[in-house]
């Protein structure tokens, strides 16, 4: 008999997500930071509005990656008290709140 954990496609997906998502989240976070900093260079209202829309889309992308990681961690019994394992020195909830506040005040 084979181990169902080894042949279960959902378990395989969870393993892949747990392996790949922390790095993906870090890359998206860094790309968002670079894009958000460009707002200071924009002078035209139309350009700033388009930039703000792009930043909001980036935050949505980041939020979905975090939700996927939580799902994968919960299925692996790896998350405790809502904390995501394998994401080092990234307070993603704080990052999302700060970014939303910055976009709201812009």
PDB file of N, CA and C in Angstrom:
ATOM      1  N   UNK A   1       0.827  -1.191   0.000  1.00  0.00           N
ATOM      2  CA  UNK A   1       0.000   0.000   0.000  1.00  0.00           C
ATOM      3  C   UNK A   1       0.864   1.244   0.000  1.00  0.00           C
ATOM      4  N   UNK A   2       0.364   2.246  -0.666  1.00  0.00           N
ATOM      5  CA  UNK A   2       1.108   3.508  -0.688  1.00  0.00           C
ATOM      6  C   UNK A   2       0.551   4.452   0.356  1.00  0.00           C
ATOM      7  N   UNK A   3       1.376   5.340   0.799  1.00  0.00           N
ATOM      8  CA  UNK A   3       0.992   6.333   1.784  1.00  0.00           C
ATOM      9  C   UNK A   3       0.070   7.354   1.120  1.00  0.00           C
ATOM     10  N   UNK A   4      -1.187   7.538   1.625  1.00  0.00           N
ATOM     11  CA  UNK A   4      -2.113   8.467   0.976  1.00  0.00           C
ATOM     12  C   UNK A   4      -1.582   9.900   0.970  1.00  0.00           C
ATOM     13  N   UNK A   5      -0.768  10.251   1.935  1.00  0.00           N
ATOM     14  CA  UNK A   5      -0.189  11.598   1.997  1.00  0.00           C
ATOM     15  C   UNK A   5       0.731  11.852   0.810  1.00  0.00           C
ATOM     16  N   UNK A   6       1.372  10.789   0.286  1.00  0.00           N
ATOM     17  CA  UNK A   6       2.292  10.928  -0.837  1.00  0.00           C
ATOM     18  C   UNK A   6       1.559  11.004  -2.175  1.00  0.00           C
ATOM     19  N   UNK A   7       0.349  10.431  -2.266  1.00  0.00           N
ATOM     20  CA  UNK A   7      -0.361  10.399  -3.531  1.00  0.00           C
ATOM     21  C   UNK A   7      -1.519  11.391  -3.587  1.00  0.00           C
ATOM     22  N   UNK A   8      -1.865  11.994  -2.493  1.00  0.00           N
ATOM     23  CA  UNK A   8      -2.963  12.954  -2.447  1.00  0.00           C
ATOM     24  C   UNK A   8      -2.550  14.242  -3.149  1.00  0.00           C
ATOM     25  N   UNK A   9      -3.245  14.629  -4.241  1.00  0.00           N
ATOM     26  CA  UNK A   9      -2.847  15.837  -4.958  1.00  0.00           C
ATOM     27  C   UNK A   9      -2.978  17.112  -4.116  1.00  0.00           C
ATOM     28  N   UNK A  10      -3.935  17.139  -3.206  1.00  0.00           N
ATOM     29  CA  UNK A  10      -4.091  18.317  -2.340  1.00  0.00           C
ATOM     30  C   UNK A  10      -2.913  18.417  -1.373  1.00  0.00           C
ATOM     31  N   UNK A  11      -2.488  17.288  -0.832  1.00  0.00           N
ATOM     32  CA  UNK A  11      -1.328  17.292   0.063  1.00  0.00           C
ATOM     33  C   UNK A  11      -0.073  17.705  -0.703  1.00  0.00           C
ATOM     34  N   UNK A  12       0.035  17.253  -1.936  1.00  0.00           N
ATOM     35  CA  UNK A  12       1.176  17.646  -2.768  1.00  0.00           C
ATOM     36  C   UNK A  12       1.158  19.148  -3.026  1.00  0.00           C
ATOM     37  N   UNK A  13      -0.022  19.681  -3.332  1.00  0.00           N
ATOM     38  CA  UNK A  13      -0.160  21.121  -3.543  1.00  0.00           C
ATOM     39  C   UNK A  13       0.210  21.897  -2.285  1.00  0.00           C
ATOM     40  N   UNK A  14      -0.266  21.427  -1.132  1.00  0.00           N
ATOM     41  CA  UNK A  14       0.076  22.102   0.131  1.00  0.00           C
ATOM     42  C   UNK A  14       1.590  22.126   0.336  1.00  0.00           C
ATOM     43  N   UNK A  15       2.235  21.004   0.088  1.00  0.00           N
ATOM     44  CA  UNK A  15       3.696  20.939   0.250  1.00  0.00           C
ATOM     45  C   UNK A  15       4.401  21.932  -0.673  1.00  0.00           C
ATOM     46  N   UNK A  16       3.932  21.997  -1.924  1.00  0.00           N
ATOM     47  CA  UNK A  16       4.543  22.931  -2.873  1.00  0.00           C
ATOM     48  C   UNK A  16       4.323  24.380  -2.444  1.00  0.00           C
ATOM     49  N   UNK A  17       3.123  24.673  -1.987  1.00  0.00           N
ATOM     50  CA  UNK A  17       2.832  26.036  -1.535  1.00  0.00           C
ATOM     51  C   UNK A  17       3.668  26.405  -0.312  1.00  0.00           C
ATOM     52  N   UNK A  18       3.793  25.479   0.620  1.00  0.00           N
ATOM     53  CA  UNK A  18       4.605  25.753   1.810  1.00  0.00           C
ATOM     54  C   UNK A  18       6.065  25.979   1.439  1.00  0.00           C
ATOM     55  N   UNK A  19       6.512  25.330   0.398  1.00  0.00           N
ATOM     56  CA  UNK A  19       7.899  25.496  -0.046  1.00  0.00           C
ATOM     57  C   UNK A  19       8.094  26.826  -0.780  1.00  0.00           C
ATOM     58  N   UNK A  20       7.153  27.172  -1.662  1.00  0.00           N
ATOM     59  CA  UNK A  20       7.358  28.295  -2.574  1.00  0.00           C
ATOM     60  C   UNK A  20       6.806  29.633  -2.096  1.00  0.00           C
ATOM     61  N   UNK A  21       5.696  29.632  -1.384  1.00  0.00           N
ATOM     62  CA  UNK A  21       5.026  30.889  -1.067  1.00  0.00           C
ATOM     63  C   UNK A  21       5.817  31.865  -0.209  1.00  0.00           C
ATOM     64  N   UNK A  22       6.567  31.423   0.790  1.00  0.00           N
ATOM     65  CA  UNK A  22       7.319  32.433   1.554  1.00  0.00           C
ATOM     66  C   UNK A  22       8.230  33.292   0.677  1.00  0.00           C
ATOM     67  N   UNK A  23       8.915  32.674  -0.266  1.00  0.00           N
ATOM     68  CA  UNK A  23       9.761  33.445  -1.180  1.00  0.00           C
ATOM     69  C   UNK A  23       8.936  34.317  -2.111  1.00  0.00           C
ATOM     70  N   UNK A  24       7.801  33.792  -2.583  1.00  0.00           N
ATOM     71  CA  UNK A  24       6.922  34.568  -3.462  1.00  0.00           C
ATOM     72  C   UNK A  24       6.384  35.796  -2.726  1.00  0.00           C
ATOM     73  N   UNK A  25       5.977  35.604  -1.480  1.00  0.00           N
ATOM     74  CA  UNK A  25       5.445  36.715  -0.685  1.00  0.00           C
ATOM     75  C   UNK A  25       6.511  37.783  -0.494  1.00  0.00           C
ATOM     76  N   UNK A  26       7.709  37.362  -0.243  1.00  0.00           N
ATOM     77  CA  UNK A  26       8.802  38.334  -0.060  1.00  0.00           C
ATOM     78  C   UNK A  26       9.052  39.127  -1.343  1.00  0.00           C
ATOM     79  N   UNK A  27       9.032  38.441  -2.492  1.00  0.00           N
ATOM     80  CA  UNK A  27       9.242  39.134  -3.769  1.00  0.00           C
ATOM     81  C   UNK A  27       8.118  40.120  -4.062  1.00  0.00           C
ATOM     82  N   UNK A  28       6.871  39.725  -3.802  1.00  0.00           N
ATOM     83  CA  UNK A  28       5.730  40.617  -4.037  1.00  0.00           C
ATOM     84  C   UNK A  28       5.805  41.810  -3.100  1.00  0.00           C
ATOM     85  N   UNK A  29       6.153  41.562  -1.855  1.00  0.00           N
ATOM     86  CA  UNK A  29       6.276  42.655  -0.881  1.00  0.00           C
ATOM     87  C   UNK A  29       7.337  43.651  -1.328  1.00  0.00           C
ATOM     88  N   UNK A  30       8.481  43.155  -1.773  1.00  0.00           N
ATOM     89  CA  UNK A  30       9.551  44.045  -2.225  1.00  0.00           C
ATOM     90  C   UNK A  30       9.152  44.813  -3.483  1.00  0.00           C
ATOM     91  N   UNK A  31       8.453  44.154  -4.406  1.00  0.00           N
ATOM     92  CA  UNK A  31       7.987  44.824  -5.620  1.00  0.00           C
ATOM     93  C   UNK A  31       6.970  45.907  -5.265  1.00  0.00           C
ATOM     94  N   UNK A  32       6.097  45.601  -4.308  1.00  0.00           N
ATOM     95  CA  UNK A  32       5.113  46.597  -3.874  1.00  0.00           C
ATOM     96  C   UNK A  32       5.816  47.815  -3.270  1.00  0.00           C
ATOM     97  N   UNK A  33       6.794  47.578  -2.433  1.00  0.00           N
ATOM     98  CA  UNK A  33       7.519  48.695  -1.819  1.00  0.00           C
ATOM     99  C   UNK A  33       8.169  49.580  -2.878  1.00  0.00           C
ATOM    100  N   UNK A  34       8.801  48.952  -3.874  1.00  0.00           N
ATOM    101  CA  UNK A  34       9.430  49.733  -4.943  1.00  0.00           C
ATOM    102  C   UNK A  34       8.390  50.542  -5.708  1.00  0.00           C
ATOM    103  N   UNK A  35       7.272  49.920  -6.021  1.00  0.00           N
ATOM    104  CA  UNK A  35       6.214  50.614  -6.770  1.00  0.00           C
ATOM    105  C   UNK A  35       5.609  51.743  -5.937  1.00  0.00           C
ATOM    106  N   UNK A  36       5.383  51.502  -4.660  1.00  0.00           N
ATOM    107  CA  UNK A  36       4.787  52.530  -3.802  1.00  0.00           C
ATOM    108  C   UNK A  36       5.699  53.743  -3.673  1.00  0.00           C
ATOM    109  N   UNK A  37       6.997  53.528  -3.681  1.00  0.00           N
ATOM    110  CA  UNK A  37       7.943  54.641  -3.564  1.00  0.00           C
ATOM    111  C   UNK A  37       7.928  55.527  -4.805  1.00  0.00           C
ATOM    112  N   UNK A  38       7.517  55.003  -5.927  1.00  0.00           N
ATOM    113  CA  UNK A  38       7.489  55.780  -7.162  1.00  0.00           C
ATOM    114  C   UNK A  38       6.419  56.870  -7.144  1.00  0.00           C
ATOM    115  N   UNK A  39       5.467  56.774  -6.239  1.00  0.00           N
ATOM    116  CA  UNK A  39       4.393  57.770  -6.175  1.00  0.00           C
ATOM    117  C   UNK A  39       4.946  59.171  -5.935  1.00  0.00           C
ATOM    118  N   UNK A  40       6.040  59.268  -5.226  1.00  0.00           N
ATOM    119  CA  UNK A  40       6.630  60.574  -4.935  1.00  0.00           C
ATOM    120  C   UNK A  40       7.106  61.272  -6.205  1.00  0.00           C
ATOM    121  N   UNK A  41       7.349  60.500  -7.262  1.00  0.00           N
ATOM    122  CA  UNK A  41       7.839  61.075  -8.515  1.00  0.00           C
ATOM    123  C   UNK A  41       6.711  61.529  -9.445  1.00  0.00           C
ATOM    124  N   UNK A  42       5.491  61.158  -9.127  1.00  0.00           N
ATOM    125  CA  UNK A  42       4.368  61.463 -10.010  1.00  0.00           C
ATOM    126  C   UNK A  42       3.812  62.852  -9.725  1.00  0.00           C
ATOM    127  N   UNK A  43       3.624  63.639 -10.766  1.00  0.00           N
ATOM    128  CA  UNK A  43       3.116  65.002 -10.609  1.00  0.00           C
ATOM    129  C   UNK A  43       1.703  65.156 -11.173  1.00  0.00           C
ATOM    130  N   UNK A  44       1.371  64.361 -12.161  1.00  0.00           N
ATOM    131  CA  UNK A  44       0.057  64.462 -12.804  1.00  0.00           C
ATOM    132  C   UNK A  44      -0.965  63.653 -12.009  1.00  0.00           C
ATOM    133  N   UNK A  45      -2.142  64.212 -11.799  1.00  0.00           N
ATOM    134  CA  UNK A  45      -3.197  63.530 -11.038  1.00  0.00           C
ATOM    135  C   UNK A  45      -3.601  62.218 -11.703  1.00  0.00           C
ATOM    136  N   UNK A  46      -3.677  62.207 -13.025  1.00  0.00           N
ATOM    137  CA  UNK A  46      -4.057  60.995 -13.759  1.00  0.00           C
ATOM    138  C   UNK A  46      -3.028  59.882 -13.526  1.00  0.00           C
ATOM    139  N   UNK A  47      -1.757  60.240 -13.566  1.00  0.00           N
ATOM    140  CA  UNK A  47      -0.697  59.254 -13.342  1.00  0.00           C
ATOM    141  C   UNK A  47      -0.738  58.723 -11.914  1.00  0.00           C
ATOM    142  N   UNK A  48      -0.981  59.621 -10.964  1.00  0.00           N
ATOM    143  CA  UNK A  48      -1.032  59.204  -9.574  1.00  0.00           C
ATOM    144  C   UNK A  48      -2.210  58.263  -9.336  1.00  0.00           C
ATOM    145  N   UNK A  49      -3.359  58.569  -9.937  1.00  0.00           N
ATOM    146  CA  UNK A  49      -4.539  57.711  -9.777  1.00  0.00           C
ATOM    147  C   UNK A  49      -4.273  56.319 -10.345  1.00  0.00           C
ATOM    148  N   UNK A  50      -3.658  56.261 -11.502  1.00  0.00           N
ATOM    149  CA  UNK A  50      -3.322  54.958 -12.093  1.00  0.00           C
ATOM    150  C   UNK A  50      -2.328  54.207 -11.217  1.00  0.00           C
ATOM    151  N   UNK A  51      -1.386  54.931 -10.675  1.00  0.00           N
ATOM    152  CA  UNK A  51      -0.385  54.328  -9.792  1.00  0.00           C
ATOM    153  C   UNK A  51      -1.052  53.785  -8.526  1.00  0.00           C
ATOM    154  N   UNK A  52      -1.969  54.555  -7.958  1.00  0.00           N
ATOM    155  CA  UNK A  52      -2.671  54.126  -6.751  1.00  0.00           C
ATOM    156  C   UNK A  52      -3.484  52.858  -7.031  1.00  0.00           C
ATOM    157  N   UNK A  53      -4.122  52.784  -8.179  1.00  0.00           N
ATOM    158  CA  UNK A  53      -4.880  51.593  -8.562  1.00  0.00           C
ATOM    159  C   UNK A  53      -3.958  50.378  -8.674  1.00  0.00           C
ATOM    160  N   UNK A  54      -2.790  50.586  -9.269  1.00  0.00           N
ATOM    161  CA  UNK A  54      -1.824  49.494  -9.387  1.00  0.00           C
ATOM    162  C   UNK A  54      -1.347  49.028  -8.013  1.00  0.00           C
ATOM    163  N   UNK A  55      -1.130  49.959  -7.088  1.00  0.00           N
ATOM    164  CA  UNK A  55      -0.709  49.595  -5.736  1.00  0.00           C
ATOM    165  C   UNK A  55      -1.785  48.791  -5.027  1.00  0.00           C
ATOM    166  N   UNK A  56      -3.041  49.182  -5.201  1.00  0.00           N
ATOM    167  CA  UNK A  56      -4.140  48.429  -4.588  1.00  0.00           C
ATOM    168  C   UNK A  56      -4.195  47.005  -5.143  1.00  0.00           C
ATOM    169  N   UNK A  57      -3.962  46.861  -6.432  1.00  0.00           N
ATOM    170  CA  UNK A  57      -3.935  45.523  -7.033  1.00  0.00           C
ATOM    171  C   UNK A  57      -2.784  44.709  -6.449  1.00  0.00           C
ATOM    172  N   UNK A  58      -1.641  45.352  -6.243  1.00  0.00           N
ATOM    173  CA  UNK A  58      -0.495  44.669  -5.632  1.00  0.00           C
ATOM    174  C   UNK A  58      -0.802  44.187  -4.225  1.00  0.00           C
ATOM    175  N   UNK A  59      -1.508  45.026  -3.464  1.00  0.00           N
ATOM    176  CA  UNK A  59      -1.901  44.612  -2.110  1.00  0.00           C
ATOM    177  C   UNK A  59      -2.863  43.429  -2.158  1.00  0.00           C
ATOM    178  N   UNK A  60      -3.765  43.444  -3.116  1.00  0.00           N
ATOM    179  CA  UNK A  60      -4.689  42.321  -3.264  1.00  0.00           C
ATOM    180  C   UNK A  60      -3.938  41.036  -3.583  1.00  0.00           C
ATOM    181  N   UNK A  61      -2.944  41.125  -4.423  1.00  0.00           N
ATOM    182  CA  UNK A  61      -2.112  39.978  -4.779  1.00  0.00           C
ATOM    183  C   UNK A  61      -1.391  39.446  -3.538  1.00  0.00           C
ATOM    184  N   UNK A  62      -0.819  40.352  -2.779  1.00  0.00           N
ATOM    185  CA  UNK A  62      -0.109  39.968  -1.566  1.00  0.00           C
ATOM    186  C   UNK A  62      -1.061  39.291  -0.580  1.00  0.00           C
ATOM    187  N   UNK A  63      -2.242  39.847  -0.431  1.00  0.00           N
ATOM    188  CA  UNK A  63      -3.221  39.286   0.501  1.00  0.00           C
ATOM    189  C   UNK A  63      -3.635  37.871   0.095  1.00  0.00           C
ATOM    190  N   UNK A  64      -3.813  37.632  -1.196  1.00  0.00           N
ATOM    191  CA  UNK A  64      -4.192  36.298  -1.671  1.00  0.00           C
ATOM    192  C   UNK A  64      -3.071  35.289  -1.428  1.00  0.00           C
ATOM    193  N   UNK A  65      -1.824  35.709  -1.654  1.00  0.00           N
ATOM    194  CA  UNK A  65      -0.699  34.808  -1.381  1.00  0.00           C
ATOM    195  C   UNK A  65      -0.649  34.432   0.096  1.00  0.00           C
ATOM    196  N   UNK A  66      -0.905  35.400   0.959  1.00  0.00           N
ATOM    197  CA  UNK A  66      -0.900  35.146   2.404  1.00  0.00           C
ATOM    198  C   UNK A  66      -2.020  34.175   2.774  1.00  0.00           C
ATOM    199  N   UNK A  67      -3.194  34.352   2.193  1.00  0.00           N
ATOM    200  CA  UNK A  67      -4.311  33.442   2.462  1.00  0.00           C
ATOM    201  C   UNK A  67      -3.983  32.028   1.993  1.00  0.00           C
ATOM    202  N   UNK A  68      -3.345  31.912   0.834  1.00  0.00           N
ATOM    203  CA  UNK A  68      -2.928  30.586   0.356  1.00  0.00           C
ATOM    204  C   UNK A  68      -1.946  29.934   1.315  1.00  0.00           C
ATOM    205  N   UNK A  69      -1.006  30.726   1.808  1.00  0.00           N
ATOM    206  CA  UNK A  69      -0.028  30.184   2.745  1.00  0.00           C
ATOM    207  C   UNK A  69      -0.705  29.741   4.034  1.00  0.00           C
ATOM    208  N   UNK A  70      -1.660  30.513   4.501  1.00  0.00           N
ATOM    209  CA  UNK A  70      -2.401  30.115   5.714  1.00  0.00           C
ATOM    210  C   UNK A  70      -3.166  28.822   5.472  1.00  0.00           C
ATOM    211  N   UNK A  71      -3.796  28.714   4.321  1.00  0.00           N
ATOM    212  CA  UNK A  71      -4.534  27.497   4.000  1.00  0.00           C
ATOM    213  C   UNK A  71      -3.588  26.291   3.982  1.00  0.00           C
ATOM    214  N   UNK A  72      -2.464  26.467   3.330  1.00  0.00           N
ATOM    215  CA  UNK A  72      -1.500  25.368   3.255  1.00  0.00           C
ATOM    216  C   UNK A  72      -0.962  25.020   4.641  1.00  0.00           C
ATOM    217  N   UNK A  73      -0.720  26.023   5.465  1.00  0.00           N
ATOM    218  CA  UNK A  73      -0.197  25.790   6.815  1.00  0.00           C
ATOM    219  C   UNK A  73      -1.233  25.117   7.699  1.00  0.00           C
ATOM    220  N   UNK A  74      -2.479  25.547   7.598  1.00  0.00           N
ATOM    221  CA  UNK A  74      -3.537  24.948   8.416  1.00  0.00           C
ATOM    222  C   UNK A  74      -3.749  23.495   8.060  1.00  0.00           C
ATOM    223  N   UNK A  75      -3.684  23.175   6.790  1.00  0.00           N
ATOM    224  CA  UNK A  75      -3.857  21.793   6.361  1.00  0.00           C
ATOM    225  C   UNK A  75      -2.727  20.913   6.839  1.00  0.00           C
ATOM    226  N   UNK A  76      -1.577  21.526   7.017  1.00  0.00           N
ATOM    227  CA  UNK A  76      -0.395  20.808   7.488  1.00  0.00           C
ATOM    228  C   UNK A  76      -0.319  20.832   9.012  1.00  0.00           C
ATOM    229  N   UNK A  77      -1.315  21.443   9.648  1.00  0.00           N
ATOM    230  CA  UNK A  77      -1.325  21.656  11.099  1.00  0.00           C
ATOM    231  C   UNK A  77      -0.113  22.470  11.528  1.00  0.00           C
ATOM    232  N   UNK A  78       0.372  23.304  10.593  1.00  0.00           N
ATOM    233  CA  UNK A  78       1.578  24.071  10.878  1.00  0.00           C
ATOM    234  C   UNK A  78       1.318  25.464  11.406  1.00  0.00           C
ATOM    235  N   UNK A  79       0.079  25.938  11.339  1.00  0.00           N
ATOM    236  CA  UNK A  79      -0.205  27.287  11.826  1.00  0.00           C
ATOM    237  C   UNK A  79      -0.802  27.195  13.222  1.00  0.00           C
ATOM    238  N   UNK A  80      -0.377  28.096  14.065  1.00  0.00           N
ATOM    239  CA  UNK A  80      -0.909  28.140  15.426  1.00  0.00           C
ATOM    240  C   UNK A  80      -1.264  29.578  15.753  1.00  0.00           C
ATOM    241  N   UNK A  81      -2.448  29.774  16.278  1.00  0.00           N
ATOM    242  CA  UNK A  81      -2.904  31.106  16.680  1.00  0.00           C
ATOM    243  C   UNK A  81      -2.856  32.108  15.529  1.00  0.00           C
ATOM    244  N   UNK A  82      -3.132  31.656  14.315  1.00  0.00           N
ATOM    245  CA  UNK A  82      -3.171  32.555  13.179  1.00  0.00           C
ATOM    246  C   UNK A  82      -1.814  32.988  12.663  1.00  0.00           C
ATOM    247  N   UNK A  83      -0.741  32.451  13.199  1.00  0.00           N
ATOM    248  CA  UNK A  83       0.603  32.808  12.741  1.00  0.00           C
ATOM    249  C   UNK A  83       1.001  31.858  11.617  1.00  0.00           C
ATOM    250  N   UNK A  84       1.587  32.403  10.583  1.00  0.00           N
ATOM    251  CA  UNK A  84       2.001  31.599   9.435  1.00  0.00           C
ATOM    252  C   UNK A  84       3.436  31.163   9.631  1.00  0.00           C
ATOM    253  N   UNK A  85       3.684  29.866   9.443  1.00  0.00           N
ATOM    254  CA  UNK A  85       5.052  29.389   9.602  1.00  0.00           C
ATOM    255  C   UNK A  85       5.870  29.693   8.361  1.00  0.00           C
ATOM    256  N   UNK A  86       7.152  29.712   8.488  1.00  0.00           N
ATOM    257  CA  UNK A  86       8.138  29.876   7.432  1.00  0.00           C
ATOM    258  C   UNK A  86       8.254  31.285   6.870  1.00  0.00           C
ATOM    259  N   UNK A  87       7.482  32.245   7.336  1.00  0.00           N
ATOM    260  CA  UNK A  87       7.652  33.616   6.877  1.00  0.00           C
ATOM    261  C   UNK A  87       8.424  34.336   7.968  1.00  0.00           C
ATOM    262  N   UNK A  88       9.701  34.569   7.687  1.00  0.00           N
ATOM    263  CA  UNK A  88      10.569  35.129   8.702  1.00  0.00           C
ATOM    264  C   UNK A  88      10.572  36.638   8.642  1.00  0.00           C
ATOM    265  N   UNK A  89      10.585  37.254   9.782  1.00  0.00           N
ATOM    266  CA  UNK A  89      10.621  38.688  10.015  1.00  0.00           C
ATOM    267  C   UNK A  89       9.763  39.497   9.047  1.00  0.00           C
ATOM    268  N   UNK A  90       8.582  38.980   8.744  1.00  0.00           N
ATOM    269  CA  UNK A  90       7.628  39.709   7.927  1.00  0.00           C
ATOM    270  C   UNK A  90       6.317  39.762   8.701  1.00  0.00           C
ATOM    271  N   UNK A  91       5.945  40.938   9.147  1.00  0.00           N
ATOM    272  CA  UNK A  91       4.653  41.108   9.788  1.00  0.00           C
ATOM    273  C   UNK A  91       3.692  41.552   8.697  1.00  0.00           C
ATOM    274  N   UNK A  92       3.118  40.577   7.991  1.00  0.00           N
ATOM    275  CA  UNK A  92       2.338  40.869   6.809  1.00  0.00           C
ATOM    276  C   UNK A  92       1.056  41.622   7.133  1.00  0.00           C
ATOM    277  N   UNK A  93       0.442  41.299   8.245  1.00  0.00           N
ATOM    278  CA  UNK A  93      -0.786  42.010   8.621  1.00  0.00           C
ATOM    279  C   UNK A  93      -0.492  43.489   8.824  1.00  0.00           C
ATOM    280  N   UNK A  94       0.590  43.802   9.503  1.00  0.00           N
ATOM    281  CA  UNK A  94       0.976  45.197   9.727  1.00  0.00           C
ATOM    282  C   UNK A  94       1.307  45.874   8.405  1.00  0.00           C
ATOM    283  N   UNK A  95       2.004  45.168   7.527  1.00  0.00           N
ATOM    284  CA  UNK A  95       2.356  45.715   6.219  1.00  0.00           C
ATOM    285  C   UNK A  95       1.099  46.066   5.425  1.00  0.00           C
ATOM    286  N   UNK A  96       0.113  45.183   5.424  1.00  0.00           N
ATOM    287  CA  UNK A  96      -1.125  45.425   4.688  1.00  0.00           C
ATOM    288  C   UNK A  96      -1.866  46.617   5.282  1.00  0.00           C
ATOM    289  N   UNK A  97      -1.975  46.684   6.615  1.00  0.00           N
ATOM    290  CA  UNK A  97      -2.668  47.801   7.266  1.00  0.00           C
ATOM    291  C   UNK A  97      -1.990  49.132   6.960  1.00  0.00           C
ATOM    292  N   UNK A  98      -0.659  49.163   7.042  1.00  0.00           N
ATOM    293  CA  UNK A  98       0.071  50.385   6.772  1.00  0.00           C
ATOM    294  C   UNK A  98      -0.092  50.832   5.322  1.00  0.00           C
ATOM    295  N   UNK A  99      -0.056  49.859   4.411  1.00  0.00           N
ATOM    296  CA  UNK A  99      -0.188  50.190   2.995  1.00  0.00           C
ATOM    297  C   UNK A  99      -1.587  50.708   2.693  1.00  0.00           C
ATOM    298  N   UNK A 100      -2.582  50.086   3.278  1.00  0.00           N
ATOM    299  CA  UNK A 100      -3.962  50.561   3.060  1.00  0.00           C
ATOM    300  C   UNK A 100      -4.132  51.972   3.636  1.00  0.00           C
ATOM    301  N   UNK A 101      -3.551  52.213   4.788  1.00  0.00           N
ATOM    302  CA  UNK A 101      -3.641  53.550   5.383  1.00  0.00           C
ATOM    303  C   UNK A 101      -2.972  54.572   4.492  1.00  0.00           C
ATOM    304  N   UNK A 102      -1.808  54.221   3.947  1.00  0.00           N
ATOM    305  CA  UNK A 102      -1.088  55.134   3.067  1.00  0.00           C
ATOM    306  C   UNK A 102      -1.874  55.411   1.793  1.00  0.00           C
ATOM    307  N   UNK A 103      -2.488  54.387   1.239  1.00  0.00           N
ATOM    308  CA  UNK A 103      -3.283  54.583   0.029  1.00  0.00           C
ATOM    309  C   UNK A 103      -4.551  55.380   0.312  1.00  0.00           C
ATOM    310  N   UNK A 104      -5.102  55.177   1.503  1.00  0.00           N
ATOM    311  CA  UNK A 104      -6.325  55.902   1.876  1.00  0.00           C
ATOM    312  C   UNK A 104      -6.075  57.381   2.088  1.00  0.00           C
ATOM    313  N   UNK A 105      -4.900  57.742   2.564  1.00  0.00           N
ATOM    314  CA  UNK A 105      -4.612  59.145   2.836  1.00  0.00           C
ATOM    315  C   UNK A 105      -4.026  59.873   1.642  1.00  0.00           C
ATOM    316  N   UNK A 106      -3.688  59.111   0.607  1.00  0.00           N
ATOM    317  CA  UNK A 106      -3.077  59.743  -0.582  1.00  0.00           C
ATOM    318  C   UNK A 106      -4.121  60.400  -1.464  1.00  0.00           C
TER     319      UNK A 106
END
